[in-house]
């Protein structure tokens, strides 16, 4: 049995979120939470909330033991890109892409 939590439209690029995802993949929920608390990345704060949500889903919806949970899957996929224009010299305009991410965490119970 597994429990999932999704975070959509977070305003951080998927490339930056993926760095934090790689840190916690395969770790126990307690260890992953400790790693996220000590990580100085902007993506770690929304990931803490998401991990808490996945653990709560496992405990409340699927009656899993919270002490035996581990992060089985975590990944970030690109969301929609918000396009902006930056004025440049001589009447030109440069495109600025503000990227968004969709993050998914899956927790399972150790056998």
N, C-alpha and C. Protein backbone atom coordinates (compact mmCIF):
# COMPACT_ATOMS: atom_id res chain seq x y z
N UNK A 1 0.85 -1.18 0.00
CA UNK A 1 0.00 0.00 0.00
C UNK A 1 0.89 1.24 0.00
N UNK A 2 0.44 2.25 -0.68
CA UNK A 2 1.20 3.50 -0.75
C UNK A 2 0.27 4.69 -0.61
N UNK A 3 0.83 5.80 -0.17
CA UNK A 3 0.09 7.04 -0.04
C UNK A 3 0.84 8.13 -0.79
N UNK A 4 0.09 8.99 -1.48
CA UNK A 4 0.69 10.03 -2.30
C UNK A 4 0.25 11.41 -1.83
N UNK A 5 1.07 12.40 -2.20
CA UNK A 5 0.70 13.80 -2.03
C UNK A 5 1.27 14.56 -3.23
N UNK A 6 0.50 15.50 -3.75
CA UNK A 6 0.89 16.27 -4.92
C UNK A 6 0.98 17.75 -4.55
N UNK A 7 1.96 18.41 -5.12
CA UNK A 7 2.10 19.86 -4.98
C UNK A 7 2.17 20.42 -6.39
N UNK A 8 1.20 21.25 -6.76
CA UNK A 8 1.13 21.74 -8.12
C UNK A 8 1.38 23.24 -8.18
N UNK A 9 1.94 23.65 -9.30
CA UNK A 9 2.17 25.05 -9.63
C UNK A 9 3.08 25.77 -8.63
N UNK A 10 4.06 25.07 -8.07
CA UNK A 10 5.01 25.73 -7.18
C UNK A 10 5.97 26.55 -8.05
N UNK A 11 6.24 27.79 -7.64
CA UNK A 11 6.98 28.73 -8.48
C UNK A 11 8.50 28.58 -8.35
N UNK A 12 8.99 27.37 -8.49
CA UNK A 12 10.42 27.08 -8.52
C UNK A 12 10.64 26.17 -9.72
N UNK A 13 11.73 26.34 -10.42
CA UNK A 13 11.96 25.53 -11.61
C UNK A 13 12.16 24.06 -11.23
N UNK A 14 11.73 23.14 -12.08
CA UNK A 14 11.84 21.72 -11.76
C UNK A 14 13.28 21.26 -11.58
N UNK A 15 14.19 21.93 -12.25
CA UNK A 15 15.61 21.57 -12.13
C UNK A 15 16.11 21.81 -10.70
N UNK A 16 15.66 22.88 -10.08
CA UNK A 16 16.07 23.20 -8.71
C UNK A 16 15.36 22.29 -7.70
N UNK A 17 14.10 21.96 -7.97
CA UNK A 17 13.35 21.08 -7.07
C UNK A 17 13.92 19.67 -7.12
N UNK A 18 14.38 19.24 -8.28
CA UNK A 18 14.89 17.88 -8.45
C UNK A 18 16.13 17.63 -7.58
N UNK A 19 16.92 18.66 -7.32
CA UNK A 19 18.09 18.54 -6.45
C UNK A 19 17.66 18.13 -5.05
N UNK A 20 16.60 18.76 -4.55
CA UNK A 20 16.10 18.44 -3.21
C UNK A 20 15.42 17.07 -3.21
N UNK A 21 14.74 16.71 -4.30
CA UNK A 21 14.09 15.41 -4.40
C UNK A 21 15.12 14.28 -4.29
N UNK A 22 16.28 14.47 -4.93
CA UNK A 22 17.31 13.43 -4.91
C UNK A 22 17.87 13.21 -3.51
N UNK A 23 17.81 14.23 -2.65
CA UNK A 23 18.34 14.10 -1.30
C UNK A 23 17.51 13.15 -0.43
N UNK A 24 16.19 13.11 -0.65
CA UNK A 24 15.32 12.37 0.27
C UNK A 24 14.79 11.05 -0.29
N UNK A 25 15.04 10.77 -1.56
CA UNK A 25 14.52 9.55 -2.18
C UNK A 25 15.09 8.31 -1.48
N UNK A 26 14.20 7.40 -1.04
CA UNK A 26 14.61 6.16 -0.40
C UNK A 26 14.84 6.26 1.10
N UNK A 27 14.76 7.44 1.67
CA UNK A 27 15.01 7.62 3.11
C UNK A 27 13.71 7.41 3.90
N UNK A 28 13.85 7.14 5.19
CA UNK A 28 12.66 7.07 6.05
C UNK A 28 12.09 8.47 6.20
N UNK A 29 10.82 8.56 6.58
CA UNK A 29 10.15 9.85 6.64
C UNK A 29 10.82 10.76 7.68
N UNK A 30 11.20 10.20 8.82
CA UNK A 30 11.87 11.00 9.86
C UNK A 30 13.22 11.52 9.38
N UNK A 31 13.98 10.66 8.71
CA UNK A 31 15.29 11.06 8.20
C UNK A 31 15.12 12.11 7.08
N UNK A 32 14.15 11.91 6.20
CA UNK A 32 13.90 12.85 5.12
C UNK A 32 13.49 14.22 5.68
N UNK A 33 12.69 14.21 6.73
CA UNK A 33 12.27 15.47 7.36
C UNK A 33 13.48 16.20 7.95
N UNK A 34 14.37 15.45 8.60
CA UNK A 34 15.57 16.06 9.18
C UNK A 34 16.47 16.63 8.10
N UNK A 35 16.60 15.93 6.98
CA UNK A 35 17.43 16.41 5.87
C UNK A 35 16.84 17.70 5.30
N UNK A 36 15.52 17.72 5.11
CA UNK A 36 14.87 18.91 4.55
C UNK A 36 14.97 20.11 5.48
N UNK A 37 14.91 19.86 6.78
CA UNK A 37 15.01 20.96 7.75
C UNK A 37 16.38 21.64 7.68
N UNK A 38 17.42 20.86 7.37
CA UNK A 38 18.78 21.38 7.36
C UNK A 38 19.25 21.83 5.98
N UNK A 39 18.44 21.62 4.94
CA UNK A 39 18.83 21.98 3.59
C UNK A 39 18.52 23.44 3.33
N UNK A 40 19.52 24.17 2.84
CA UNK A 40 19.33 25.60 2.57
C UNK A 40 19.00 25.81 1.10
N UNK A 41 17.88 25.28 0.67
CA UNK A 41 17.38 25.47 -0.69
C UNK A 41 15.96 26.00 -0.58
N UNK A 42 15.56 26.82 -1.55
CA UNK A 42 14.21 27.39 -1.49
C UNK A 42 13.14 26.32 -1.66
N UNK A 43 13.48 25.21 -2.31
CA UNK A 43 12.50 24.15 -2.54
C UNK A 43 12.26 23.31 -1.30
N UNK A 44 13.11 23.42 -0.28
CA UNK A 44 12.97 22.54 0.88
C UNK A 44 11.73 22.88 1.72
N UNK A 45 11.33 24.15 1.77
CA UNK A 45 10.16 24.52 2.58
C UNK A 45 8.86 23.92 2.03
N UNK A 46 8.55 24.07 0.73
CA UNK A 46 7.34 23.39 0.23
C UNK A 46 7.44 21.87 0.28
N UNK A 47 8.66 21.34 0.18
CA UNK A 47 8.83 19.88 0.24
C UNK A 47 8.55 19.35 1.64
N UNK A 48 8.85 20.13 2.67
CA UNK A 48 8.54 19.74 4.05
C UNK A 48 7.03 19.60 4.21
N UNK A 49 6.29 20.59 3.73
CA UNK A 49 4.83 20.54 3.81
C UNK A 49 4.28 19.34 3.05
N UNK A 50 4.85 19.08 1.88
CA UNK A 50 4.38 17.98 1.05
C UNK A 50 4.66 16.63 1.71
N UNK A 51 5.83 16.49 2.33
CA UNK A 51 6.18 15.24 3.01
C UNK A 51 5.27 15.01 4.22
N UNK A 52 4.98 16.07 4.96
CA UNK A 52 4.04 15.96 6.09
C UNK A 52 2.66 15.53 5.60
N UNK A 53 2.24 16.08 4.47
CA UNK A 53 0.93 15.73 3.91
C UNK A 53 0.88 14.27 3.48
N UNK A 54 1.95 13.78 2.83
CA UNK A 54 1.99 12.39 2.40
C UNK A 54 1.98 11.44 3.60
N UNK A 55 2.71 11.79 4.65
CA UNK A 55 2.73 10.96 5.86
C UNK A 55 1.36 10.96 6.55
N UNK A 56 0.69 12.11 6.57
CA UNK A 56 -0.65 12.19 7.16
C UNK A 56 -1.65 11.40 6.34
N UNK A 57 -1.53 11.43 5.00
CA UNK A 57 -2.41 10.64 4.15
C UNK A 57 -2.23 9.16 4.43
N UNK A 58 -0.99 8.73 4.61
CA UNK A 58 -0.71 7.32 4.88
C UNK A 58 -1.31 6.89 6.21
N UNK A 59 -1.16 7.75 7.20
CA UNK A 59 -1.63 7.40 8.55
C UNK A 59 -3.15 7.43 8.64
N UNK A 60 -3.79 8.47 8.09
CA UNK A 60 -5.23 8.66 8.27
C UNK A 60 -6.08 7.92 7.24
N UNK A 61 -5.62 7.89 6.00
CA UNK A 61 -6.44 7.30 4.95
C UNK A 61 -6.17 5.81 4.73
N UNK A 62 -4.95 5.37 5.01
CA UNK A 62 -4.59 3.98 4.72
C UNK A 62 -4.18 3.19 5.96
N UNK A 63 -4.32 3.77 7.16
CA UNK A 63 -4.01 3.12 8.42
C UNK A 63 -2.60 2.50 8.45
N UNK A 64 -1.61 3.22 7.93
CA UNK A 64 -0.22 2.75 7.97
C UNK A 64 0.45 3.24 9.25
N UNK A 65 1.49 2.51 9.67
CA UNK A 65 2.26 2.87 10.86
C UNK A 65 3.22 4.01 10.49
N UNK A 66 3.12 5.18 11.12
CA UNK A 66 3.97 6.31 10.74
C UNK A 66 5.46 6.07 11.01
N UNK A 67 5.78 5.16 11.93
CA UNK A 67 7.19 4.89 12.23
C UNK A 67 7.87 4.06 11.15
N UNK A 68 7.10 3.34 10.34
CA UNK A 68 7.68 2.44 9.34
C UNK A 68 7.61 2.99 7.92
N UNK A 69 7.25 4.27 7.78
CA UNK A 69 7.11 4.86 6.45
C UNK A 69 8.46 5.29 5.88
N UNK A 70 8.60 5.15 4.56
CA UNK A 70 9.78 5.67 3.86
C UNK A 70 9.34 6.28 2.54
N UNK A 71 10.17 7.15 1.99
CA UNK A 71 9.87 7.85 0.74
C UNK A 71 10.24 6.91 -0.41
N UNK A 72 9.25 6.35 -1.06
CA UNK A 72 9.53 5.40 -2.14
C UNK A 72 9.73 6.12 -3.48
N UNK A 73 8.95 7.15 -3.74
CA UNK A 73 9.07 7.92 -4.98
C UNK A 73 8.98 9.40 -4.66
N UNK A 74 9.79 10.17 -5.34
CA UNK A 74 9.65 11.63 -5.29
C UNK A 74 10.21 12.17 -6.60
N UNK A 75 9.40 12.98 -7.28
CA UNK A 75 9.85 13.54 -8.55
C UNK A 75 9.16 14.87 -8.81
N UNK A 76 9.82 15.68 -9.64
CA UNK A 76 9.30 16.99 -10.03
C UNK A 76 9.18 17.03 -11.54
N UNK A 77 8.02 17.44 -12.02
CA UNK A 77 7.80 17.59 -13.45
C UNK A 77 7.51 19.05 -13.75
N UNK A 78 7.81 19.50 -14.98
CA UNK A 78 7.56 20.91 -15.29
C UNK A 78 6.07 21.23 -15.38
N UNK A 79 5.72 22.39 -14.86
CA UNK A 79 4.36 22.90 -14.98
C UNK A 79 4.33 23.96 -16.07
N UNK A 80 3.28 24.75 -16.13
CA UNK A 80 3.22 25.80 -17.14
C UNK A 80 4.28 26.88 -16.90
N UNK A 81 4.75 27.47 -17.99
CA UNK A 81 5.77 28.51 -17.90
C UNK A 81 5.07 29.86 -18.02
N UNK A 82 5.36 30.75 -17.08
CA UNK A 82 4.82 32.11 -17.11
C UNK A 82 5.82 32.94 -17.90
N UNK A 83 5.38 33.53 -19.01
CA UNK A 83 6.27 34.26 -19.90
C UNK A 83 6.17 35.76 -19.64
N UNK A 84 7.33 36.40 -19.48
CA UNK A 84 7.40 37.83 -19.23
C UNK A 84 8.39 38.46 -20.22
N UNK A 85 8.31 39.76 -20.39
CA UNK A 85 9.18 40.48 -21.31
C UNK A 85 10.02 41.47 -20.51
N UNK A 86 11.33 41.49 -20.81
CA UNK A 86 12.25 42.45 -20.20
C UNK A 86 12.71 43.43 -21.29
N UNK A 87 12.46 44.74 -21.13
CA UNK A 87 12.92 45.71 -22.12
C UNK A 87 14.45 45.76 -22.17
N UNK A 88 14.99 45.83 -23.37
CA UNK A 88 16.44 45.89 -23.57
C UNK A 88 16.77 47.12 -24.42
N UNK A 89 18.03 47.29 -24.72
CA UNK A 89 18.50 48.47 -25.45
C UNK A 89 17.94 48.50 -26.88
N UNK A 90 17.77 49.72 -27.39
CA UNK A 90 17.37 49.98 -28.77
C UNK A 90 16.00 49.37 -29.10
N UNK A 91 15.09 49.37 -28.15
CA UNK A 91 13.72 48.94 -28.42
C UNK A 91 13.51 47.44 -28.48
N UNK A 92 14.53 46.68 -28.16
CA UNK A 92 14.38 45.22 -28.19
C UNK A 92 13.71 44.74 -26.91
N UNK A 93 13.26 43.50 -26.96
CA UNK A 93 12.63 42.88 -25.78
C UNK A 93 13.16 41.46 -25.65
N UNK A 94 13.55 41.08 -24.44
CA UNK A 94 14.01 39.71 -24.16
C UNK A 94 12.93 38.98 -23.39
N UNK A 95 12.78 37.72 -23.69
CA UNK A 95 11.79 36.87 -23.02
C UNK A 95 12.38 36.36 -21.70
N UNK A 96 11.59 36.41 -20.65
CA UNK A 96 11.96 35.81 -19.36
C UNK A 96 10.94 34.72 -19.07
N UNK A 97 11.40 33.50 -18.86
CA UNK A 97 10.54 32.37 -18.54
C UNK A 97 10.55 32.13 -17.04
N UNK A 98 9.40 32.25 -16.42
CA UNK A 98 9.27 31.94 -14.99
C UNK A 98 8.66 30.55 -14.90
N UNK A 99 9.50 29.60 -14.54
CA UNK A 99 9.10 28.20 -14.60
C UNK A 99 8.37 27.76 -13.33
N UNK A 100 7.46 26.80 -13.48
CA UNK A 100 6.74 26.23 -12.35
C UNK A 100 6.94 24.71 -12.35
N UNK A 101 6.61 24.09 -11.22
CA UNK A 101 6.82 22.66 -11.06
C UNK A 101 5.59 22.00 -10.47
N UNK A 102 5.46 20.71 -10.76
CA UNK A 102 4.51 19.84 -10.08
C UNK A 102 5.36 18.78 -9.38
N UNK A 103 5.19 18.64 -8.06
CA UNK A 103 5.98 17.69 -7.29
C UNK A 103 5.06 16.61 -6.73
N UNK A 104 5.53 15.36 -6.77
CA UNK A 104 4.77 14.23 -6.23
C UNK A 104 5.66 13.45 -5.27
N UNK A 105 5.12 13.14 -4.09
CA UNK A 105 5.82 12.28 -3.13
C UNK A 105 4.94 11.07 -2.85
N UNK A 106 5.55 9.88 -2.89
CA UNK A 106 4.86 8.63 -2.55
C UNK A 106 5.59 8.01 -1.37
N UNK A 107 4.85 7.65 -0.32
CA UNK A 107 5.44 6.97 0.83
C UNK A 107 4.84 5.56 0.93
N UNK A 108 5.68 4.62 1.35
CA UNK A 108 5.26 3.24 1.55
C UNK A 108 5.69 2.78 2.93
N UNK A 109 5.12 1.66 3.34
CA UNK A 109 5.46 1.06 4.62
C UNK A 109 6.53 0.00 4.40
N UNK A 110 7.56 0.00 5.26
CA UNK A 110 8.60 -1.04 5.16
C UNK A 110 8.01 -2.38 5.53
N UNK A 111 8.40 -3.40 4.77
CA UNK A 111 7.85 -4.75 5.01
C UNK A 111 8.51 -5.41 6.20
